[in-house]
């Protein structure tokens, strides 16, 4: 990719388009929609995300004329870079709130076992209802964020059925997960069943965009506890990155493989013959 001025000029429409989307989203601001027991809080990140999807060159021909394929490639690689300041901001909240994080005790560590819930919920649907093949292994052993993708790529390769399943969930999570994580926490908080600290920990699933949407919704609902929410969510996210890979490698992925063998014994019996 050329770094000369003529080479960089072709990325100007991309930057202007992104700037325009952000400006419109910020002008709309936060929208609160009361429904039943709680309130749905719509954040600017949701509008920006929705408009970005609508203007995707793969969907809208007019955008395809404006943005060359190289711009799309650049945009995908910039996601990780763009989220870094946000993650750094979270890091600055952990230190001042360390006492409250310690008070949470083993809950922060034990919550990692909740990742196994994706297997319990998604695997039966994938295998028995949707009749998926080995794609179900990559799609259901985790929520398939970056560390999980790296694990699947190393063990099976992303061109494998397992890789296709993992990439499919990664794409859907990127497109829809932000919306779900922005809407669910305030609604669950309104039920008054879970402590806000537990909901804050649940935001740290190893995804920067989901973390932003989840904590944004909780902080908007309880601004007076904003620092605590951000600190616990950041600590949870860090632990998810640190321990999630090992849980996936040594527990979740072998368990999903074993379940698939039990669910499709004929497939393996035919292979052995």
C-alpha atoms as a PDB file:
ATOM      1  CA  UNK A   1       0.000   0.000   0.000  1.00  0.00           C
ATOM      2  CA  UNK A   2       1.581   3.232  -1.155  1.00  0.00           C
ATOM      3  CA  UNK A   3       2.257   5.860   1.522  1.00  0.00           C
ATOM      4  CA  UNK A   4       2.993   8.677  -0.970  1.00  0.00           C
ATOM      5  CA  UNK A   5       0.708  11.696  -1.183  1.00  0.00           C
ATOM      6  CA  UNK A   6      -0.889  10.583  -4.487  1.00  0.00           C
ATOM      7  CA  UNK A   7      -1.355   7.131  -2.974  1.00  0.00           C
ATOM      8  CA  UNK A   8      -2.977   8.490   0.186  1.00  0.00           C
ATOM      9  CA  UNK A   9      -5.311  10.762  -1.779  1.00  0.00           C
ATOM     10  CA  UNK A  10      -7.578   7.848  -2.674  1.00  0.00           C
ATOM     11  CA  UNK A  11      -8.391   7.377   1.016  1.00  0.00           C
ATOM     12  CA  UNK A  12      -9.739  10.930   1.450  1.00  0.00           C
ATOM     13  CA  UNK A  13     -13.348   9.963   0.507  1.00  0.00           C
ATOM     14  CA  UNK A  14     -13.236   7.201   3.130  1.00  0.00           C
ATOM     15  CA  UNK A  15     -12.116   9.593   5.869  1.00  0.00           C
ATOM     16  CA  UNK A  16     -14.693  12.217   4.869  1.00  0.00           C
ATOM     17  CA  UNK A  17     -17.457   9.620   4.848  1.00  0.00           C
ATOM     18  CA  UNK A  18     -16.485   8.345   8.299  1.00  0.00           C
ATOM     19  CA  UNK A  19     -16.292  11.906   9.628  1.00  0.00           C
ATOM     20  CA  UNK A  20     -19.752  12.631   8.256  1.00  0.00           C
ATOM     21  CA  UNK A  21     -21.231   9.493   9.835  1.00  0.00           C
ATOM     22  CA  UNK A  22     -19.713  10.350  13.222  1.00  0.00           C
ATOM     23  CA  UNK A  23     -20.932  13.955  13.043  1.00  0.00           C
ATOM     24  CA  UNK A  24     -24.509  12.885  12.253  1.00  0.00           C
ATOM     25  CA  UNK A  25     -24.488  10.267  15.023  1.00  0.00           C
ATOM     26  CA  UNK A  26     -23.247  12.785  17.586  1.00  0.00           C
ATOM     27  CA  UNK A  27     -25.844  15.351  16.523  1.00  0.00           C
ATOM     28  CA  UNK A  28     -28.625  12.803  17.111  1.00  0.00           C
ATOM     29  CA  UNK A  29     -27.200  12.053  20.565  1.00  0.00           C
ATOM     30  CA  UNK A  30     -28.611   9.613  23.116  1.00  0.00           C
ATOM     31  CA  UNK A  31     -32.205   8.465  22.622  1.00  0.00           C
ATOM     32  CA  UNK A  32     -34.145   6.849  25.485  1.00  0.00           C
ATOM     33  CA  UNK A  33     -37.166   4.724  24.618  1.00  0.00           C
ATOM     34  CA  UNK A  34     -39.265   3.586  27.623  1.00  0.00           C
ATOM     35  CA  UNK A  35     -40.633   0.062  27.142  1.00  0.00           C
ATOM     36  CA  UNK A  36     -42.328  -1.929  29.871  1.00  0.00           C
ATOM     37  CA  UNK A  37     -40.048  -2.494  32.832  1.00  0.00           C
ATOM     38  CA  UNK A  38     -37.116  -0.534  31.528  1.00  0.00           C
ATOM     39  CA  UNK A  39     -35.716   1.839  28.964  1.00  0.00           C
ATOM     40  CA  UNK A  40     -33.879   1.106  25.738  1.00  0.00           C
ATOM     41  CA  UNK A  41     -30.915   3.459  25.458  1.00  0.00           C
ATOM     42  CA  UNK A  42     -29.732   4.108  21.916  1.00  0.00           C
ATOM     43  CA  UNK A  43     -26.205   5.500  21.738  1.00  0.00           C
ATOM     44  CA  UNK A  44     -24.458   7.363  18.897  1.00  0.00           C
ATOM     45  CA  UNK A  45     -22.264   4.297  18.312  1.00  0.00           C
ATOM     46  CA  UNK A  46     -25.407   2.424  17.239  1.00  0.00           C
ATOM     47  CA  UNK A  47     -26.430   5.047  14.690  1.00  0.00           C
ATOM     48  CA  UNK A  48     -22.898   5.193  13.322  1.00  0.00           C
ATOM     49  CA  UNK A  49     -22.816   1.429  13.082  1.00  0.00           C
ATOM     50  CA  UNK A  50     -26.199   1.242  11.336  1.00  0.00           C
ATOM     51  CA  UNK A  51     -25.342   3.981   8.841  1.00  0.00           C
ATOM     52  CA  UNK A  52     -21.952   2.353   8.210  1.00  0.00           C
ATOM     53  CA  UNK A  53     -23.672  -0.919   7.363  1.00  0.00           C
ATOM     54  CA  UNK A  54     -26.195   0.832   5.111  1.00  0.00           C
ATOM     55  CA  UNK A  55     -23.372   2.596   3.232  1.00  0.00           C
ATOM     56  CA  UNK A  56     -21.296  -0.575   2.879  1.00  0.00           C
ATOM     57  CA  UNK A  57     -19.908  -0.719  -0.679  1.00  0.00           C
ATOM     58  CA  UNK A  58     -20.996  -4.355  -0.863  1.00  0.00           C
ATOM     59  CA  UNK A  59     -24.607  -3.212  -0.328  1.00  0.00           C
ATOM     60  CA  UNK A  60     -24.873   0.251  -1.864  1.00  0.00           C
ATOM     61  CA  UNK A  61     -23.651   0.672  -5.486  1.00  0.00           C
ATOM     62  CA  UNK A  62     -23.258   4.450  -5.057  1.00  0.00           C
ATOM     63  CA  UNK A  63     -20.762   3.926  -2.224  1.00  0.00           C
ATOM     64  CA  UNK A  64     -18.928   1.371  -4.327  1.00  0.00           C
ATOM     65  CA  UNK A  65     -18.235   4.081  -6.879  1.00  0.00           C
ATOM     66  CA  UNK A  66     -16.970   6.427  -4.174  1.00  0.00           C
ATOM     67  CA  UNK A  67     -14.780   3.969  -2.246  1.00  0.00           C
ATOM     68  CA  UNK A  68     -12.317   1.743  -4.117  1.00  0.00           C
ATOM     69  CA  UNK A  69     -11.648  -1.787  -2.787  1.00  0.00           C
ATOM     70  CA  UNK A  70      -8.354  -0.622  -1.258  1.00  0.00           C
ATOM     71  CA  UNK A  71     -10.312   1.791   0.967  1.00  0.00           C
ATOM     72  CA  UNK A  72     -12.482  -1.043   2.239  1.00  0.00           C
ATOM     73  CA  UNK A  73      -9.375  -3.036   3.035  1.00  0.00           C
ATOM     74  CA  UNK A  74      -7.903  -0.085   4.930  1.00  0.00           C
ATOM     75  CA  UNK A  75     -11.120   0.421   6.901  1.00  0.00           C
ATOM     76  CA  UNK A  76     -11.089  -3.172   8.144  1.00  0.00           C
ATOM     77  CA  UNK A  77      -7.490  -2.918   9.343  1.00  0.00           C
ATOM     78  CA  UNK A  78      -8.155   0.412  11.063  1.00  0.00           C
ATOM     79  CA  UNK A  79     -10.750  -1.054  13.441  1.00  0.00           C
ATOM     80  CA  UNK A  80      -8.145  -2.396  15.845  1.00  0.00           C
ATOM     81  CA  UNK A  81      -6.134   0.846  15.728  1.00  0.00           C
ATOM     82  CA  UNK A  82      -9.198   3.045  16.228  1.00  0.00           C
ATOM     83  CA  UNK A  83     -10.323   1.129  19.303  1.00  0.00           C
ATOM     84  CA  UNK A  84      -6.939   1.470  21.040  1.00  0.00           C
ATOM     85  CA  UNK A  85      -7.569   4.945  22.598  1.00  0.00           C
ATOM     86  CA  UNK A  86     -10.845   3.620  23.955  1.00  0.00           C
ATOM     87  CA  UNK A  87      -9.109   0.610  25.550  1.00  0.00           C
ATOM     88  CA  UNK A  88      -6.415   2.935  26.949  1.00  0.00           C
ATOM     89  CA  UNK A  89      -9.127   5.079  28.557  1.00  0.00           C
ATOM     90  CA  UNK A  90     -10.494   1.983  30.244  1.00  0.00           C
ATOM     91  CA  UNK A  91      -7.027   1.179  31.525  1.00  0.00           C
ATOM     92  CA  UNK A  92      -6.849   4.518  33.333  1.00  0.00           C
ATOM     93  CA  UNK A  93     -10.050   3.699  35.241  1.00  0.00           C
ATOM     94  CA  UNK A  94      -8.795   0.394  36.649  1.00  0.00           C
ATOM     95  CA  UNK A  95      -6.178   1.832  39.021  1.00  0.00           C
ATOM     96  CA  UNK A  96      -8.365   4.336  40.919  1.00  0.00           C
ATOM     97  CA  UNK A  97     -11.084   1.689  41.295  1.00  0.00           C
ATOM     98  CA  UNK A  98      -8.783  -1.174  42.318  1.00  0.00           C
ATOM     99  CA  UNK A  99     -10.426  -1.507  45.756  1.00  0.00           C
ATOM    100  CA  UNK A 100     -13.824  -2.150  44.216  1.00  0.00           C
ATOM    101  CA  UNK A 101     -12.301  -4.586  41.746  1.00  0.00           C
ATOM    102  CA  UNK A 102     -10.707  -6.518  44.613  1.00  0.00           C
ATOM    103  CA  UNK A 103     -14.056  -6.506  46.421  1.00  0.00           C
ATOM    104  CA  UNK A 104     -15.540  -8.344  43.450  1.00  0.00           C
ATOM    105  CA  UNK A 105     -13.198 -11.176  44.437  1.00  0.00           C
ATOM    106  CA  UNK A 106     -13.241 -14.463  42.538  1.00  0.00           C
ATOM    107  CA  UNK A 107     -16.346 -13.429  40.580  1.00  0.00           C
ATOM    108  CA  UNK A 108     -14.153 -11.769  37.961  1.00  0.00           C
ATOM    109  CA  UNK A 109     -12.227 -15.002  37.410  1.00  0.00           C
ATOM    110  CA  UNK A 110     -15.112 -17.458  37.720  1.00  0.00           C
ATOM    111  CA  UNK A 111     -17.186 -15.480  35.234  1.00  0.00           C
ATOM    112  CA  UNK A 112     -14.850 -16.748  32.516  1.00  0.00           C
ATOM    113  CA  UNK A 113     -16.590 -20.123  32.816  1.00  0.00           C
ATOM    114  CA  UNK A 114     -19.645 -18.337  31.475  1.00  0.00           C
ATOM    115  CA  UNK A 115     -18.045 -18.591  28.048  1.00  0.00           C
ATOM    116  CA  UNK A 116     -18.998 -22.255  28.114  1.00  0.00           C
ATOM    117  CA  UNK A 117     -22.610 -21.113  28.020  1.00  0.00           C
ATOM    118  CA  UNK A 118     -22.278 -20.499  24.284  1.00  0.00           C
ATOM    119  CA  UNK A 119     -21.768 -24.233  23.830  1.00  0.00           C
ATOM    120  CA  UNK A 120     -24.792 -25.173  25.940  1.00  0.00           C
ATOM    121  CA  UNK A 121     -27.052 -22.715  24.120  1.00  0.00           C
ATOM    122  CA  UNK A 122     -25.740 -22.636  20.561  1.00  0.00           C
ATOM    123  CA  UNK A 123     -24.396 -26.137  19.889  1.00  0.00           C
ATOM    124  CA  UNK A 124     -27.755 -27.991  19.985  1.00  0.00           C
ATOM    125  CA  UNK A 125     -29.335 -25.347  17.762  1.00  0.00           C
ATOM    126  CA  UNK A 126     -26.470 -25.447  15.267  1.00  0.00           C
ATOM    127  CA  UNK A 127     -26.272 -29.242  15.024  1.00  0.00           C
ATOM    128  CA  UNK A 128     -29.837 -30.457  15.502  1.00  0.00           C
ATOM    129  CA  UNK A 129     -31.951 -27.535  14.304  1.00  0.00           C
ATOM    130  CA  UNK A 130     -29.798 -25.874  11.634  1.00  0.00           C
ATOM    131  CA  UNK A 131     -28.129 -29.169  10.654  1.00  0.00           C
ATOM    132  CA  UNK A 132     -24.690 -27.594  10.450  1.00  0.00           C
ATOM    133  CA  UNK A 133     -21.627 -29.746   9.861  1.00  0.00           C
ATOM    134  CA  UNK A 134     -18.198 -29.163  11.364  1.00  0.00           C
ATOM    135  CA  UNK A 135     -18.869 -25.454  10.971  1.00  0.00           C
ATOM    136  CA  UNK A 136     -20.785 -25.838  14.236  1.00  0.00           C
ATOM    137  CA  UNK A 137     -17.521 -26.458  16.106  1.00  0.00           C
ATOM    138  CA  UNK A 138     -15.991 -23.125  15.139  1.00  0.00           C
ATOM    139  CA  UNK A 139     -19.295 -21.302  15.460  1.00  0.00           C
ATOM    140  CA  UNK A 140     -20.302 -22.436  18.954  1.00  0.00           C
ATOM    141  CA  UNK A 141     -17.175 -23.062  21.058  1.00  0.00           C
ATOM    142  CA  UNK A 142     -16.972 -19.323  21.905  1.00  0.00           C
ATOM    143  CA  UNK A 143     -18.302 -15.925  20.849  1.00  0.00           C
ATOM    144  CA  UNK A 144     -15.508 -15.948  18.241  1.00  0.00           C
ATOM    145  CA  UNK A 145     -13.627 -12.741  18.826  1.00  0.00           C
ATOM    146  CA  UNK A 146     -10.021 -12.178  17.772  1.00  0.00           C
ATOM    147  CA  UNK A 147      -8.263 -14.592  20.226  1.00  0.00           C
ATOM    148  CA  UNK A 148     -10.747 -17.335  19.362  1.00  0.00           C
ATOM    149  CA  UNK A 149     -10.263 -16.760  15.638  1.00  0.00           C
ATOM    150  CA  UNK A 150      -6.510 -17.090  16.131  1.00  0.00           C
ATOM    151  CA  UNK A 151      -7.048 -20.413  17.903  1.00  0.00           C
ATOM    152  CA  UNK A 152      -9.254 -21.775  15.113  1.00  0.00           C
ATOM    153  CA  UNK A 153      -6.854 -20.496  12.443  1.00  0.00           C
ATOM    154  CA  UNK A 154      -3.929 -22.221  14.142  1.00  0.00           C
ATOM    155  CA  UNK A 155      -5.669 -25.563  14.685  1.00  0.00           C
ATOM    156  CA  UNK A 156      -7.865 -25.905  11.593  1.00  0.00           C
ATOM    157  CA  UNK A 157      -7.120 -22.984   9.270  1.00  0.00           C
ATOM    158  CA  UNK A 158      -9.680 -20.329   8.372  1.00  0.00           C
ATOM    159  CA  UNK A 159     -10.405 -22.071   5.048  1.00  0.00           C
ATOM    160  CA  UNK A 160     -11.667 -25.152   6.900  1.00  0.00           C
ATOM    161  CA  UNK A 161     -15.328 -25.779   7.836  1.00  0.00           C
ATOM    162  CA  UNK A 162     -14.450 -24.871  11.433  1.00  0.00           C
ATOM    163  CA  UNK A 163     -12.856 -21.651  10.195  1.00  0.00           C
ATOM    164  CA  UNK A 164     -15.949 -20.829   8.124  1.00  0.00           C
ATOM    165  CA  UNK A 165     -18.147 -21.277  11.198  1.00  0.00           C
ATOM    166  CA  UNK A 166     -15.913 -19.092  13.343  1.00  0.00           C
ATOM    167  CA  UNK A 167     -15.687 -16.348  10.721  1.00  0.00           C
ATOM    168  CA  UNK A 168     -19.452 -16.413  10.240  1.00  0.00           C
ATOM    169  CA  UNK A 169     -20.073 -15.831  13.947  1.00  0.00           C
ATOM    170  CA  UNK A 170     -17.336 -13.175  14.027  1.00  0.00           C
ATOM    171  CA  UNK A 171     -19.015 -11.262  11.195  1.00  0.00           C
ATOM    172  CA  UNK A 172     -22.504 -11.563  12.691  1.00  0.00           C
ATOM    173  CA  UNK A 173     -21.175 -10.568  16.117  1.00  0.00           C
ATOM    174  CA  UNK A 174     -19.548  -7.497  14.639  1.00  0.00           C
ATOM    175  CA  UNK A 175     -22.727  -6.485  12.813  1.00  0.00           C
ATOM    176  CA  UNK A 176     -25.371  -7.361  15.411  1.00  0.00           C
ATOM    177  CA  UNK A 177     -23.505  -7.822  18.698  1.00  0.00           C
ATOM    178  CA  UNK A 178     -23.054  -4.089  19.222  1.00  0.00           C
ATOM    179  CA  UNK A 179     -26.803  -3.523  19.017  1.00  0.00           C
ATOM    180  CA  UNK A 180     -27.587  -6.389  21.393  1.00  0.00           C
ATOM    181  CA  UNK A 181     -24.975  -5.302  23.935  1.00  0.00           C
ATOM    182  CA  UNK A 182     -26.245  -1.735  23.885  1.00  0.00           C
ATOM    183  CA  UNK A 183     -29.897  -2.617  24.429  1.00  0.00           C
ATOM    184  CA  UNK A 184     -29.784  -5.583  26.831  1.00  0.00           C
ATOM    185  CA  UNK A 185     -27.870  -4.225  29.877  1.00  0.00           C
ATOM    186  CA  UNK A 186     -30.241  -1.310  30.663  1.00  0.00           C
ATOM    187  CA  UNK A 187     -33.238  -3.618  30.242  1.00  0.00           C
ATOM    188  CA  UNK A 188     -31.767  -6.306  32.489  1.00  0.00           C
ATOM    189  CA  UNK A 189     -30.761  -3.625  34.994  1.00  0.00           C
ATOM    190  CA  UNK A 190     -34.390  -2.471  35.135  1.00  0.00           C
ATOM    191  CA  UNK A 191     -35.471  -5.969  36.199  1.00  0.00           C
ATOM    192  CA  UNK A 192     -33.533  -5.402  39.444  1.00  0.00           C
ATOM    193  CA  UNK A 193     -32.318  -9.006  39.498  1.00  0.00           C
ATOM    194  CA  UNK A 194     -28.581  -8.515  39.001  1.00  0.00           C
ATOM    195  CA  UNK A 195     -26.228  -6.118  40.727  1.00  0.00           C
ATOM    196  CA  UNK A 196     -24.878  -3.416  38.429  1.00  0.00           C
ATOM    197  CA  UNK A 197     -21.362  -4.715  39.156  1.00  0.00           C
ATOM    198  CA  UNK A 198     -22.306  -8.105  37.728  1.00  0.00           C
ATOM    199  CA  UNK A 199     -23.705  -6.459  34.615  1.00  0.00           C
ATOM    200  CA  UNK A 200     -20.532  -4.386  34.278  1.00  0.00           C
ATOM    201  CA  UNK A 201     -18.441  -7.570  34.407  1.00  0.00           C
ATOM    202  CA  UNK A 202     -20.659  -9.121  31.749  1.00  0.00           C
ATOM    203  CA  UNK A 203     -19.640  -6.324  29.352  1.00  0.00           C
ATOM    204  CA  UNK A 204     -16.079  -7.659  29.166  1.00  0.00           C
ATOM    205  CA  UNK A 205     -16.434 -10.385  26.552  1.00  0.00           C
ATOM    206  CA  UNK A 206     -13.237  -9.648  24.666  1.00  0.00           C
ATOM    207  CA  UNK A 207     -14.724  -7.305  22.067  1.00  0.00           C
ATOM    208  CA  UNK A 208     -13.923  -3.606  22.003  1.00  0.00           C
ATOM    209  CA  UNK A 209     -17.093  -2.546  20.164  1.00  0.00           C
ATOM    210  CA  UNK A 210     -19.360  -4.676  22.366  1.00  0.00           C
ATOM    211  CA  UNK A 211     -17.581  -3.386  25.467  1.00  0.00           C
ATOM    212  CA  UNK A 212     -18.152   0.202  24.367  1.00  0.00           C
ATOM    213  CA  UNK A 213     -21.828  -0.338  23.632  1.00  0.00           C
ATOM    214  CA  UNK A 214     -22.484  -2.302  26.829  1.00  0.00           C
ATOM    215  CA  UNK A 215     -20.744   0.083  29.213  1.00  0.00           C
ATOM    216  CA  UNK A 216     -22.206   3.069  27.396  1.00  0.00           C
ATOM    217  CA  UNK A 217     -25.717   1.805  28.041  1.00  0.00           C
ATOM    218  CA  UNK A 218     -25.039   1.082  31.717  1.00  0.00           C
ATOM    219  CA  UNK A 219     -23.291   4.395  32.347  1.00  0.00           C
ATOM    220  CA  UNK A 220     -26.138   6.256  30.651  1.00  0.00           C
ATOM    221  CA  UNK A 221     -28.588   4.483  32.995  1.00  0.00           C
ATOM    222  CA  UNK A 222     -26.462   4.978  36.149  1.00  0.00           C
ATOM    223  CA  UNK A 223     -24.079   7.889  35.521  1.00  0.00           C
ATOM    224  CA  UNK A 224     -23.251   8.192  39.232  1.00  0.00           C
ATOM    225  CA  UNK A 225     -21.629   4.735  39.120  1.00  0.00           C
ATOM    226  CA  UNK A 226     -19.832   5.336  35.838  1.00  0.00           C
ATOM    227  CA  UNK A 227     -16.286   4.888  37.199  1.00  0.00           C
ATOM    228  CA  UNK A 228     -17.144   1.593  38.887  1.00  0.00           C
ATOM    229  CA  UNK A 229     -18.865   0.270  35.770  1.00  0.00           C
ATOM    230  CA  UNK A 230     -15.951   1.197  33.522  1.00  0.00           C
ATOM    231  CA  UNK A 231     -13.359  -0.233  35.901  1.00  0.00           C
ATOM    232  CA  UNK A 232     -15.085  -3.591  36.372  1.00  0.00           C
ATOM    233  CA  UNK A 233     -15.860  -3.895  32.665  1.00  0.00           C
ATOM    234  CA  UNK A 234     -12.247  -3.107  31.760  1.00  0.00           C
ATOM    235  CA  UNK A 235     -10.872  -5.613  34.277  1.00  0.00           C
ATOM    236  CA  UNK A 236     -13.307  -8.229  33.021  1.00  0.00           C
ATOM    237  CA  UNK A 237     -12.310  -7.591  29.418  1.00  0.00           C
ATOM    238  CA  UNK A 238      -8.627  -7.871  30.257  1.00  0.00           C
ATOM    239  CA  UNK A 239      -9.201 -11.164  32.079  1.00  0.00           C
ATOM    240  CA  UNK A 240     -11.244 -12.448  29.155  1.00  0.00           C
ATOM    241  CA  UNK A 241      -8.327 -11.826  26.837  1.00  0.00           C
ATOM    242  CA  UNK A 242      -5.876 -13.329  29.334  1.00  0.00           C
ATOM    243  CA  UNK A 243      -7.809 -16.436  30.341  1.00  0.00           C
ATOM    244  CA  UNK A 244     -10.321 -16.841  27.521  1.00  0.00           C
ATOM    245  CA  UNK A 245      -7.736 -18.228  25.123  1.00  0.00           C
ATOM    246  CA  UNK A 246      -6.752 -20.943  27.600  1.00  0.00           C
ATOM    247  CA  UNK A 247     -10.362 -21.801  28.413  1.00  0.00           C
ATOM    248  CA  UNK A 248     -11.020 -22.126  24.693  1.00  0.00           C
ATOM    249  CA  UNK A 249      -7.876 -24.150  24.031  1.00  0.00           C
ATOM    250  CA  UNK A 250      -8.077 -26.609  26.908  1.00  0.00           C
ATOM    251  CA  UNK A 251     -11.796 -26.782  27.738  1.00  0.00           C
ATOM    252  CA  UNK A 252     -14.243 -25.235  25.249  1.00  0.00           C
ATOM    253  CA  UNK A 253     -12.805 -26.439  21.945  1.00  0.00           C
ATOM    254  CA  UNK A 254     -12.096 -30.043  23.090  1.00  0.00           C
ATOM    255  CA  UNK A 255     -15.570 -30.165  24.662  1.00  0.00           C
ATOM    256  CA  UNK A 256     -17.218 -28.967  21.447  1.00  0.00           C
ATOM    257  CA  UNK A 257     -15.228 -31.493  19.413  1.00  0.00           C
ATOM    258  CA  UNK A 258     -16.329 -34.266  21.777  1.00  0.00           C
ATOM    259  CA  UNK A 259     -19.976 -33.189  21.603  1.00  0.00           C
ATOM    260  CA  UNK A 260     -19.830 -33.109  17.814  1.00  0.00           C
ATOM    261  CA  UNK A 261     -18.428 -36.646  17.710  1.00  0.00           C
ATOM    262  CA  UNK A 262     -21.247 -37.806  19.974  1.00  0.00           C
ATOM    263  CA  UNK A 263     -23.871 -35.952  17.946  1.00  0.00           C
ATOM    264  CA  UNK A 264     -22.621 -37.251  14.573  1.00  0.00           C
ATOM    265  CA  UNK A 265     -21.135 -40.705  15.269  1.00  0.00           C
ATOM    266  CA  UNK A 266     -22.013 -41.954  11.770  1.00  0.00           C
ATOM    267  CA  UNK A 267     -19.813 -39.272  10.189  1.00  0.00           C
ATOM    268  CA  UNK A 268     -16.761 -40.475  12.091  1.00  0.00           C
ATOM    269  CA  UNK A 269     -17.602 -44.138  11.655  1.00  0.00           C
ATOM    270  CA  UNK A 270     -17.721 -43.617   7.893  1.00  0.00           C
ATOM    271  CA  UNK A 271     -14.398 -41.784   7.966  1.00  0.00           C
ATOM    272  CA  UNK A 272     -12.711 -44.589   9.912  1.00  0.00           C
ATOM    273  CA  UNK A 273     -13.893 -47.174   7.398  1.00  0.00           C
END
